[in-house]
């Protein structure tokens, strides 16, 4: 089989390639500055895009590679990627499945998994889709054979004229790359309680994160620290959930964590079903004891 990937960065390209390479030859289209970083993931041929990427000129460049000649076109589901997928699907009349977080290939068909009903359930579908968009971070990049074929592609002139950009203010945090995350939910009660959690963050050398209510509804933490279906997808070695009930929308963002530790006073909280270790108790009594144990 033959696959074509489009991803803007090496990590997502590598993750998708690692998922596909045992099933056939993988070709990838990425930005030129990401080519070298993507060359160790078992990709047979890498096309490096140069120029300013917009949905129309990226889609045009991919179309010139005749995507219908590939068994599957896999696109990283970023803002740009989703728009590119839509354009190619319409132009090439190829069926597209979106927001996939896992998939398998069976007898010429693809079986996809994606969250449904706002993340409350998982829908598994079998289809003849030739394009899928994959949620970033769904697969871990694993090294494979070094790429030996490279080709540069100059992006054509876009029909879009960029007048001005106004980037959102961002904090210096990077929870997506953190090995240890201490995440808080509305169970901490109030914004001022975060100060009582910080000793645990410091003792673990981790990053502080939060659930959707904490980051978006109450704004106790910045949006960049939100874990969940509508926030960041994280895969730390240790994920400590404090006062988080564990709704499916939140679980969707941290399900890839290697070890999950949960502290909640509600013994029936759904988070315990996703945890390797669970403590039923008052957060503000448990956290100091955890800090004391870590310092020893």
C-alpha atoms as a PDB file:
ATOM      1  CA  UNK A   1       0.000   0.000   0.000  1.00  0.00           C
ATOM      2  CA  UNK A   2       1.030   3.609  -0.512  1.00  0.00           C
ATOM      3  CA  UNK A   3       0.265   6.501   1.827  1.00  0.00           C
ATOM      4  CA  UNK A   4       0.609  10.276   1.677  1.00  0.00           C
ATOM      5  CA  UNK A   5       0.842  12.459   4.799  1.00  0.00           C
ATOM      6  CA  UNK A   6       0.484  16.205   5.167  1.00  0.00           C
ATOM      7  CA  UNK A   7       1.574  17.699   8.489  1.00  0.00           C
ATOM      8  CA  UNK A   8       3.032  21.084   9.323  1.00  0.00           C
ATOM      9  CA  UNK A   9       5.546  19.820  11.874  1.00  0.00           C
ATOM     10  CA  UNK A  10       7.883  16.865  12.250  1.00  0.00           C
ATOM     11  CA  UNK A  11       6.328  15.456  15.430  1.00  0.00           C
ATOM     12  CA  UNK A  12       2.885  14.912  13.929  1.00  0.00           C
ATOM     13  CA  UNK A  13       4.361  13.731  10.629  1.00  0.00           C
ATOM     14  CA  UNK A  14       6.509  11.240  12.541  1.00  0.00           C
ATOM     15  CA  UNK A  15       3.603   9.989  14.640  1.00  0.00           C
ATOM     16  CA  UNK A  16       1.407   9.321  11.617  1.00  0.00           C
ATOM     17  CA  UNK A  17       4.309   7.755   9.692  1.00  0.00           C
ATOM     18  CA  UNK A  18       5.036   5.437  12.621  1.00  0.00           C
ATOM     19  CA  UNK A  19       1.406   4.297  12.534  1.00  0.00           C
ATOM     20  CA  UNK A  20       1.478   3.612   8.779  1.00  0.00           C
ATOM     21  CA  UNK A  21       4.930   2.421   7.814  1.00  0.00           C
ATOM     22  CA  UNK A  22       4.400  -1.264   8.641  1.00  0.00           C
ATOM     23  CA  UNK A  23       1.466  -1.306   6.221  1.00  0.00           C
ATOM     24  CA  UNK A  24       3.220   0.172   3.182  1.00  0.00           C
ATOM     25  CA  UNK A  25       5.324   2.976   1.745  1.00  0.00           C
ATOM     26  CA  UNK A  26       4.860   6.369   3.365  1.00  0.00           C
ATOM     27  CA  UNK A  27       5.354   9.683   1.575  1.00  0.00           C
ATOM     28  CA  UNK A  28       5.056  12.973   3.450  1.00  0.00           C
ATOM     29  CA  UNK A  29       4.554  16.636   2.633  1.00  0.00           C
ATOM     30  CA  UNK A  30       5.815  18.996   5.323  1.00  0.00           C
ATOM     31  CA  UNK A  31       7.215  22.473   5.647  1.00  0.00           C
ATOM     32  CA  UNK A  32      10.795  22.798   4.412  1.00  0.00           C
ATOM     33  CA  UNK A  33      12.195  23.725   7.841  1.00  0.00           C
ATOM     34  CA  UNK A  34      10.795  20.460   9.275  1.00  0.00           C
ATOM     35  CA  UNK A  35      12.321  18.122   6.678  1.00  0.00           C
ATOM     36  CA  UNK A  36      15.531  17.265   8.528  1.00  0.00           C
ATOM     37  CA  UNK A  37      13.694  16.606  11.810  1.00  0.00           C
ATOM     38  CA  UNK A  38      11.293  14.260   9.992  1.00  0.00           C
ATOM     39  CA  UNK A  39      13.920  12.198   8.178  1.00  0.00           C
ATOM     40  CA  UNK A  40      14.312   9.479  10.842  1.00  0.00           C
ATOM     41  CA  UNK A  41      10.705   8.251  11.000  1.00  0.00           C
ATOM     42  CA  UNK A  42      10.713   5.673   8.219  1.00  0.00           C
ATOM     43  CA  UNK A  43       9.249   7.967   5.547  1.00  0.00           C
ATOM     44  CA  UNK A  44      10.172   6.796   2.037  1.00  0.00           C
ATOM     45  CA  UNK A  45      10.029  10.244   0.412  1.00  0.00           C
ATOM     46  CA  UNK A  46       9.642  13.722   1.886  1.00  0.00           C
ATOM     47  CA  UNK A  47       8.397  16.734  -0.039  1.00  0.00           C
ATOM     48  CA  UNK A  48       9.478  20.027   1.543  1.00  0.00           C
ATOM     49  CA  UNK A  49       7.158  22.991   1.020  1.00  0.00           C
ATOM     50  CA  UNK A  50       8.753  26.409   0.643  1.00  0.00           C
ATOM     51  CA  UNK A  51       6.820  29.659   0.706  1.00  0.00           C
ATOM     52  CA  UNK A  52       3.912  30.980   2.763  1.00  0.00           C
ATOM     53  CA  UNK A  53       1.334  28.213   3.345  1.00  0.00           C
ATOM     54  CA  UNK A  54      -2.365  28.885   2.908  1.00  0.00           C
ATOM     55  CA  UNK A  55      -5.111  26.321   2.458  1.00  0.00           C
ATOM     56  CA  UNK A  56      -5.492  26.936  -1.283  1.00  0.00           C
ATOM     57  CA  UNK A  57      -1.832  26.762  -2.335  1.00  0.00           C
ATOM     58  CA  UNK A  58      -1.074  23.795  -0.060  1.00  0.00           C
ATOM     59  CA  UNK A  59      -4.101  21.918  -1.441  1.00  0.00           C
ATOM     60  CA  UNK A  60      -3.001  22.756  -4.987  1.00  0.00           C
ATOM     61  CA  UNK A  61       0.499  21.402  -4.320  1.00  0.00           C
ATOM     62  CA  UNK A  62      -0.875  18.177  -2.841  1.00  0.00           C
ATOM     63  CA  UNK A  63      -3.321  17.765  -5.746  1.00  0.00           C
ATOM     64  CA  UNK A  64      -0.421  17.884  -8.211  1.00  0.00           C
ATOM     65  CA  UNK A  65       0.928  14.734  -6.544  1.00  0.00           C
ATOM     66  CA  UNK A  66      -2.292  12.950  -7.562  1.00  0.00           C
ATOM     67  CA  UNK A  67      -3.649  12.018  -4.108  1.00  0.00           C
ATOM     68  CA  UNK A  68      -6.140   9.541  -5.637  1.00  0.00           C
ATOM     69  CA  UNK A  69      -3.142   7.366  -6.632  1.00  0.00           C
ATOM     70  CA  UNK A  70      -2.427   6.788  -2.927  1.00  0.00           C
ATOM     71  CA  UNK A  71      -4.402   4.311  -0.854  1.00  0.00           C
ATOM     72  CA  UNK A  72      -4.849   6.910   1.875  1.00  0.00           C
ATOM     73  CA  UNK A  73      -4.159  10.612   2.397  1.00  0.00           C
ATOM     74  CA  UNK A  74      -3.636  11.364   6.109  1.00  0.00           C
ATOM     75  CA  UNK A  75      -3.702  15.019   7.163  1.00  0.00           C
ATOM     76  CA  UNK A  76      -2.845  16.381  10.594  1.00  0.00           C
ATOM     77  CA  UNK A  77      -6.029  17.984  11.938  1.00  0.00           C
ATOM     78  CA  UNK A  78      -4.728  21.487  12.534  1.00  0.00           C
ATOM     79  CA  UNK A  79      -6.575  24.636  11.484  1.00  0.00           C
ATOM     80  CA  UNK A  80      -4.716  24.582   8.166  1.00  0.00           C
ATOM     81  CA  UNK A  81      -4.935  20.811   7.762  1.00  0.00           C
ATOM     82  CA  UNK A  82      -8.705  20.642   8.150  1.00  0.00           C
ATOM     83  CA  UNK A  83      -9.204  23.299   5.489  1.00  0.00           C
ATOM     84  CA  UNK A  84      -6.765  21.593   3.123  1.00  0.00           C
ATOM     85  CA  UNK A  85      -8.592  18.274   3.585  1.00  0.00           C
ATOM     86  CA  UNK A  86     -11.915  19.881   2.709  1.00  0.00           C
ATOM     87  CA  UNK A  87     -10.569  21.461  -0.479  1.00  0.00           C
ATOM     88  CA  UNK A  88      -8.937  18.242  -1.703  1.00  0.00           C
ATOM     89  CA  UNK A  89     -11.996  16.164  -0.820  1.00  0.00           C
ATOM     90  CA  UNK A  90     -14.215  18.452  -2.900  1.00  0.00           C
ATOM     91  CA  UNK A  91     -11.822  18.804  -5.847  1.00  0.00           C
ATOM     92  CA  UNK A  92     -10.860  15.143  -6.095  1.00  0.00           C
ATOM     93  CA  UNK A  93     -14.289  13.805  -5.040  1.00  0.00           C
ATOM     94  CA  UNK A  94     -12.685  11.658  -2.347  1.00  0.00           C
ATOM     95  CA  UNK A  95     -14.553  10.654   0.825  1.00  0.00           C
ATOM     96  CA  UNK A  96     -13.073  12.274   3.945  1.00  0.00           C
ATOM     97  CA  UNK A  97     -13.346  11.222   7.626  1.00  0.00           C
ATOM     98  CA  UNK A  98     -12.438  13.961  10.102  1.00  0.00           C
ATOM     99  CA  UNK A  99     -11.101  14.287  13.670  1.00  0.00           C
ATOM    100  CA  UNK A 100      -9.899  10.672  13.846  1.00  0.00           C
ATOM    101  CA  UNK A 101      -7.769   9.658  16.838  1.00  0.00           C
ATOM    102  CA  UNK A 102      -7.138   6.038  15.812  1.00  0.00           C
ATOM    103  CA  UNK A 103      -7.607   3.900  12.720  1.00  0.00           C
ATOM    104  CA  UNK A 104      -6.891   0.487  11.195  1.00  0.00           C
ATOM    105  CA  UNK A 105      -6.855  -0.765   7.617  1.00  0.00           C
ATOM    106  CA  UNK A 106      -8.910  -3.861   6.917  1.00  0.00           C
ATOM    107  CA  UNK A 107      -9.535  -5.494   3.522  1.00  0.00           C
ATOM    108  CA  UNK A 108      -9.226  -2.304   1.530  1.00  0.00           C
ATOM    109  CA  UNK A 109     -11.401  -0.315   3.943  1.00  0.00           C
ATOM    110  CA  UNK A 110     -10.527   1.927   6.850  1.00  0.00           C
ATOM    111  CA  UNK A 111     -11.944   1.605  10.358  1.00  0.00           C
ATOM    112  CA  UNK A 112     -11.760   4.920  12.192  1.00  0.00           C
ATOM    113  CA  UNK A 113     -12.384   5.994  15.771  1.00  0.00           C
ATOM    114  CA  UNK A 114     -13.413   9.512  16.757  1.00  0.00           C
ATOM    115  CA  UNK A 115     -15.208  11.217  19.601  1.00  0.00           C
ATOM    116  CA  UNK A 116     -18.918  11.848  19.096  1.00  0.00           C
ATOM    117  CA  UNK A 117     -21.693  13.811  20.819  1.00  0.00           C
ATOM    118  CA  UNK A 118     -19.219  16.414  22.033  1.00  0.00           C
ATOM    119  CA  UNK A 119     -16.812  13.782  23.302  1.00  0.00           C
ATOM    120  CA  UNK A 120     -19.349  11.871  25.378  1.00  0.00           C
ATOM    121  CA  UNK A 121     -18.847   8.688  23.371  1.00  0.00           C
ATOM    122  CA  UNK A 122     -16.523   7.098  20.815  1.00  0.00           C
ATOM    123  CA  UNK A 123     -17.799   6.272  17.345  1.00  0.00           C
ATOM    124  CA  UNK A 124     -16.161   3.474  15.340  1.00  0.00           C
ATOM    125  CA  UNK A 125     -16.865   3.524  11.602  1.00  0.00           C
ATOM    126  CA  UNK A 126     -15.892   1.392   8.629  1.00  0.00           C
ATOM    127  CA  UNK A 127     -15.784   3.299   5.355  1.00  0.00           C
ATOM    128  CA  UNK A 128     -14.078   3.696   2.007  1.00  0.00           C
ATOM    129  CA  UNK A 129     -12.670   7.090   3.004  1.00  0.00           C
ATOM    130  CA  UNK A 130      -9.495   8.014   1.122  1.00  0.00           C
ATOM    131  CA  UNK A 131      -8.743  11.091   3.248  1.00  0.00           C
ATOM    132  CA  UNK A 132      -8.671  11.269   7.033  1.00  0.00           C
ATOM    133  CA  UNK A 133      -7.711  14.087   9.369  1.00  0.00           C
ATOM    134  CA  UNK A 134      -5.932  12.885  12.516  1.00  0.00           C
ATOM    135  CA  UNK A 135      -5.990  14.720  15.834  1.00  0.00           C
ATOM    136  CA  UNK A 136      -2.440  15.998  16.577  1.00  0.00           C
ATOM    137  CA  UNK A 137      -0.622  13.925  19.184  1.00  0.00           C
ATOM    138  CA  UNK A 138      -2.660  10.762  18.552  1.00  0.00           C
ATOM    139  CA  UNK A 139       0.459   8.683  17.794  1.00  0.00           C
ATOM    140  CA  UNK A 140       3.969   8.763  19.220  1.00  0.00           C
ATOM    141  CA  UNK A 141       6.759   9.192  16.647  1.00  0.00           C
ATOM    142  CA  UNK A 142       9.119   6.210  16.547  1.00  0.00           C
ATOM    143  CA  UNK A 143      12.420   6.116  14.664  1.00  0.00           C
ATOM    144  CA  UNK A 144      12.618   3.983  11.544  1.00  0.00           C
ATOM    145  CA  UNK A 145      14.770   3.855   8.430  1.00  0.00           C
ATOM    146  CA  UNK A 146      16.326   7.144   7.366  1.00  0.00           C
ATOM    147  CA  UNK A 147      14.683   8.946   4.462  1.00  0.00           C
ATOM    148  CA  UNK A 148      16.779   8.907   1.303  1.00  0.00           C
ATOM    149  CA  UNK A 149      14.468  10.685  -1.155  1.00  0.00           C
ATOM    150  CA  UNK A 150      13.749  14.392  -0.905  1.00  0.00           C
ATOM    151  CA  UNK A 151      12.069  16.874  -3.189  1.00  0.00           C
ATOM    152  CA  UNK A 152      11.383  20.580  -2.744  1.00  0.00           C
ATOM    153  CA  UNK A 153       8.037  22.054  -3.759  1.00  0.00           C
ATOM    154  CA  UNK A 154       7.616  25.791  -4.194  1.00  0.00           C
ATOM    155  CA  UNK A 155       4.143  26.795  -3.068  1.00  0.00           C
ATOM    156  CA  UNK A 156       2.242  28.684  -5.790  1.00  0.00           C
ATOM    157  CA  UNK A 157       0.850  32.154  -5.233  1.00  0.00           C
ATOM    158  CA  UNK A 158      -2.157  32.025  -2.899  1.00  0.00           C
ATOM    159  CA  UNK A 159      -5.415  33.795  -3.639  1.00  0.00           C
ATOM    160  CA  UNK A 160      -5.331  34.934  -0.017  1.00  0.00           C
ATOM    161  CA  UNK A 161      -3.696  38.278   0.732  1.00  0.00           C
ATOM    162  CA  UNK A 162      -2.500  38.394   4.328  1.00  0.00           C
ATOM    163  CA  UNK A 163      -2.950  41.944   5.612  1.00  0.00           C
ATOM    164  CA  UNK A 164      -2.105  41.618   9.295  1.00  0.00           C
ATOM    165  CA  UNK A 165      -1.633  39.032  12.025  1.00  0.00           C
ATOM    166  CA  UNK A 166      -2.470  39.551  15.679  1.00  0.00           C
ATOM    167  CA  UNK A 167      -1.102  36.631  17.700  1.00  0.00           C
ATOM    168  CA  UNK A 168      -2.736  35.823  21.009  1.00  0.00           C
ATOM    169  CA  UNK A 169      -0.669  36.390  24.102  1.00  0.00           C
ATOM    170  CA  UNK A 170       0.767  33.096  25.230  1.00  0.00           C
ATOM    171  CA  UNK A 171       2.495  31.981  28.361  1.00  0.00           C
ATOM    172  CA  UNK A 172       5.843  30.221  28.268  1.00  0.00           C
ATOM    173  CA  UNK A 173       4.322  26.900  29.292  1.00  0.00           C
ATOM    174  CA  UNK A 174       4.458  23.802  27.120  1.00  0.00           C
ATOM    175  CA  UNK A 175       2.244  21.194  28.730  1.00  0.00           C
ATOM    176  CA  UNK A 176       2.248  19.069  25.557  1.00  0.00           C
ATOM    177  CA  UNK A 177       5.941  18.326  26.046  1.00  0.00           C
ATOM    178  CA  UNK A 178       5.878  17.896  29.834  1.00  0.00           C
ATOM    179  CA  UNK A 179       6.905  14.608  31.443  1.00  0.00           C
ATOM    180  CA  UNK A 180       4.913  15.333  34.616  1.00  0.00           C
ATOM    181  CA  UNK A 181       1.669  17.291  34.800  1.00  0.00           C
ATOM    182  CA  UNK A 182      -0.266  18.355  37.884  1.00  0.00           C
ATOM    183  CA  UNK A 183      -3.770  19.200  36.692  1.00  0.00           C
ATOM    184  CA  UNK A 184      -6.494  20.868  38.731  1.00  0.00           C
ATOM    185  CA  UNK A 185     -10.263  20.895  38.367  1.00  0.00           C
ATOM    186  CA  UNK A 186     -13.077  22.890  39.877  1.00  0.00           C
ATOM    187  CA  UNK A 187     -12.785  20.657  42.942  1.00  0.00           C
ATOM    188  CA  UNK A 188     -10.034  22.952  44.240  1.00  0.00           C
ATOM    189  CA  UNK A 189     -12.811  25.443  45.017  1.00  0.00           C
ATOM    190  CA  UNK A 190     -11.304  28.806  44.079  1.00  0.00           C
ATOM    191  CA  UNK A 191      -8.431  30.428  42.185  1.00  0.00           C
ATOM    192  CA  UNK A 192      -6.506  31.213  45.359  1.00  0.00           C
ATOM    193  CA  UNK A 193      -6.248  27.473  46.080  1.00  0.00           C
ATOM    194  CA  UNK A 194      -3.812  27.070  43.186  1.00  0.00           C
ATOM    195  CA  UNK A 195      -1.095  28.470  45.464  1.00  0.00           C
ATOM    196  CA  UNK A 196      -1.629  25.458  47.722  1.00  0.00           C
ATOM    197  CA  UNK A 197      -1.043  23.150  44.750  1.00  0.00           C
ATOM    198  CA  UNK A 198       2.174  24.802  43.556  1.00  0.00           C
ATOM    199  CA  UNK A 199       4.434  23.018  46.108  1.00  0.00           C
ATOM    200  CA  UNK A 200       3.445  19.721  44.466  1.00  0.00           C
ATOM    201  CA  UNK A 201       4.152  21.120  40.997  1.00  0.00           C
ATOM    202  CA  UNK A 202       7.583  22.256  42.192  1.00  0.00           C
ATOM    203  CA  UNK A 203       8.335  19.010  44.027  1.00  0.00           C
ATOM    204  CA  UNK A 204       7.594  16.949  40.914  1.00  0.00           C
ATOM    205  CA  UNK A 205       9.355  19.403  38.560  1.00  0.00           C
ATOM    206  CA  UNK A 206       6.160  19.284  36.568  1.00  0.00           C
ATOM    207  CA  UNK A 207       3.838  21.629  34.689  1.00  0.00           C
ATOM    208  CA  UNK A 208       0.572  22.997  36.027  1.00  0.00           C
ATOM    209  CA  UNK A 209      -2.541  22.359  33.922  1.00  0.00           C
ATOM    210  CA  UNK A 210      -6.298  22.445  34.341  1.00  0.00           C
ATOM    211  CA  UNK A 211      -9.667  21.243  33.138  1.00  0.00           C
ATOM    212  CA  UNK A 212     -11.961  23.225  30.832  1.00  0.00           C
ATOM    213  CA  UNK A 213     -13.955  24.877  33.682  1.00  0.00           C
ATOM    214  CA  UNK A 214     -10.742  26.026  35.376  1.00  0.00           C
ATOM    215  CA  UNK A 215      -9.186  27.430  32.178  1.00  0.00           C
ATOM    216  CA  UNK A 216     -12.146  28.637  30.119  1.00  0.00           C
ATOM    217  CA  UNK A 217     -15.156  29.089  32.392  1.00  0.00           C
ATOM    218  CA  UNK A 218     -13.572  30.475  35.554  1.00  0.00           C
ATOM    219  CA  UNK A 219     -10.254  31.562  33.960  1.00  0.00           C
ATOM    220  CA  UNK A 220      -8.248  30.538  37.009  1.00  0.00           C
ATOM    221  CA  UNK A 221      -5.541  29.389  34.576  1.00  0.00           C
ATOM    222  CA  UNK A 222      -4.661  30.484  31.045  1.00  0.00           C
ATOM    223  CA  UNK A 223      -6.148  28.792  28.002  1.00  0.00           C
ATOM    224  CA  UNK A 224      -2.724  27.361  27.081  1.00  0.00           C
ATOM    225  CA  UNK A 225      -2.899  25.154  30.174  1.00  0.00           C
ATOM    226  CA  UNK A 226      -6.231  23.498  29.342  1.00  0.00           C
ATOM    227  CA  UNK A 227      -6.246  19.714  28.930  1.00  0.00           C
ATOM    228  CA  UNK A 228      -9.185  18.147  27.128  1.00  0.00           C
ATOM    229  CA  UNK A 229     -11.064  17.603  23.914  1.00  0.00           C
ATOM    230  CA  UNK A 230     -11.156  21.330  23.187  1.00  0.00           C
ATOM    231  CA  UNK A 231      -7.737  21.967  24.738  1.00  0.00           C
ATOM    232  CA  UNK A 232      -4.315  20.317  24.623  1.00  0.00           C
ATOM    233  CA  UNK A 233      -3.749  16.579  24.151  1.00  0.00           C
ATOM    234  CA  UNK A 234      -0.998  15.468  26.522  1.00  0.00           C
ATOM    235  CA  UNK A 235       0.948  12.238  27.058  1.00  0.00           C
ATOM    236  CA  UNK A 236       3.135  12.745  30.133  1.00  0.00           C
ATOM    237  CA  UNK A 237       4.873   9.994  32.040  1.00  0.00           C
ATOM    238  CA  UNK A 238       2.832  10.989  35.131  1.00  0.00           C
ATOM    239  CA  UNK A 239      -0.489  12.836  35.186  1.00  0.00           C
ATOM    240  CA  UNK A 240      -1.754  13.932  38.611  1.00  0.00           C
ATOM    241  CA  UNK A 241      -5.431  14.923  38.571  1.00  0.00           C
ATOM    242  CA  UNK A 242      -6.584  16.981  41.563  1.00  0.00           C
ATOM    243  CA  UNK A 243     -10.286  17.681  42.012  1.00  0.00           C
ATOM    244  CA  UNK A 244     -11.092  16.622  38.445  1.00  0.00           C
ATOM    245  CA  UNK A 245     -14.285  14.596  38.051  1.00  0.00           C
ATOM    246  CA  UNK A 246     -13.128  12.913  34.854  1.00  0.00           C
ATOM    247  CA  UNK A 247     -15.721  13.702  32.204  1.00  0.00           C
ATOM    248  CA  UNK A 248     -14.996  12.131  28.802  1.00  0.00           C
ATOM    249  CA  UNK A 249     -14.055  15.531  27.327  1.00  0.00           C
ATOM    250  CA  UNK A 250     -11.179  15.792  29.808  1.00  0.00           C
ATOM    251  CA  UNK A 251     -10.190  12.138  29.500  1.00  0.00           C
ATOM    252  CA  UNK A 252      -9.835  12.659  25.734  1.00  0.00           C
ATOM    253  CA  UNK A 253      -6.974  15.055  26.397  1.00  0.00           C
ATOM    254  CA  UNK A 254      -4.940  12.929  28.814  1.00  0.00           C
ATOM    255  CA  UNK A 255      -5.774   9.334  27.905  1.00  0.00           C
ATOM    256  CA  UNK A 256      -2.261   8.744  26.554  1.00  0.00           C
ATOM    257  CA  UNK A 257      -0.646   9.405  29.958  1.00  0.00           C
ATOM    258  CA  UNK A 258       1.615   6.570  31.112  1.00  0.00           C
ATOM    259  CA  UNK A 259       0.645   6.764  34.815  1.00  0.00           C
ATOM    260  CA  UNK A 260      -2.427   8.554  36.152  1.00  0.00           C
ATOM    261  CA  UNK A 261      -2.791   9.515  39.822  1.00  0.00           C
ATOM    262  CA  UNK A 262      -6.137  10.960  40.925  1.00  0.00           C
ATOM    263  CA  UNK A 263      -7.163  12.688  44.149  1.00  0.00           C
ATOM    264  CA  UNK A 264     -10.861  13.372  44.661  1.00  0.00           C
ATOM    265  CA  UNK A 265     -13.183  13.376  47.661  1.00  0.00           C
ATOM    266  CA  UNK A 266     -15.921  11.699  45.582  1.00  0.00           C
ATOM    267  CA  UNK A 267     -15.206   7.960  45.545  1.00  0.00           C
ATOM    268  CA  UNK A 268     -17.513   7.550  42.531  1.00  0.00           C
ATOM    269  CA  UNK A 269     -15.779  10.163  40.380  1.00  0.00           C
ATOM    270  CA  UNK A 270     -15.233   8.818  36.826  1.00  0.00           C
ATOM    271  CA  UNK A 271     -11.575   9.850  36.945  1.00  0.00           C
ATOM    272  CA  UNK A 272     -10.831   6.835  39.124  1.00  0.00           C
ATOM    273  CA  UNK A 273     -11.802   4.519  36.261  1.00  0.00           C
ATOM    274  CA  UNK A 274      -8.951   6.015  34.232  1.00  0.00           C
ATOM    275  CA  UNK A 275      -6.418   6.050  37.080  1.00  0.00           C
ATOM    276  CA  UNK A 276      -3.566   3.738  37.984  1.00  0.00           C
ATOM    277  CA  UNK A 277      -3.589   5.116  41.530  1.00  0.00           C
ATOM    278  CA  UNK A 278      -6.500   6.796  43.256  1.00  0.00           C
ATOM    279  CA  UNK A 279      -6.783   8.584  46.577  1.00  0.00           C
ATOM    280  CA  UNK A 280     -10.199   9.384  48.022  1.00  0.00           C
ATOM    281  CA  UNK A 281      -9.765  12.371  50.279  1.00  0.00           C
ATOM    282  CA  UNK A 282      -9.457  16.105  50.753  1.00  0.00           C
ATOM    283  CA  UNK A 283      -7.005  17.534  48.219  1.00  0.00           C
ATOM    284  CA  UNK A 284      -5.572  20.014  50.684  1.00  0.00           C
ATOM    285  CA  UNK A 285      -4.801  17.274  53.189  1.00  0.00           C
ATOM    286  CA  UNK A 286      -3.394  14.868  50.610  1.00  0.00           C
ATOM    287  CA  UNK A 287      -1.180  17.285  48.648  1.00  0.00           C
ATOM    288  CA  UNK A 288       1.044  18.318  51.609  1.00  0.00           C
ATOM    289  CA  UNK A 289       1.605  14.639  52.434  1.00  0.00           C
ATOM    290  CA  UNK A 290       2.580  13.928  48.828  1.00  0.00           C
ATOM    291  CA  UNK A 291       5.007  16.846  48.878  1.00  0.00           C
ATOM    292  CA  UNK A 292       6.509  15.656  52.152  1.00  0.00           C
ATOM    293  CA  UNK A 293       6.948  12.137  50.765  1.00  0.00           C
ATOM    294  CA  UNK A 294       8.574  13.451  47.575  1.00  0.00           C
ATOM    295  CA  UNK A 295      11.042  15.573  49.531  1.00  0.00           C
ATOM    296  CA  UNK A 296      12.196  12.485  51.408  1.00  0.00           C
END
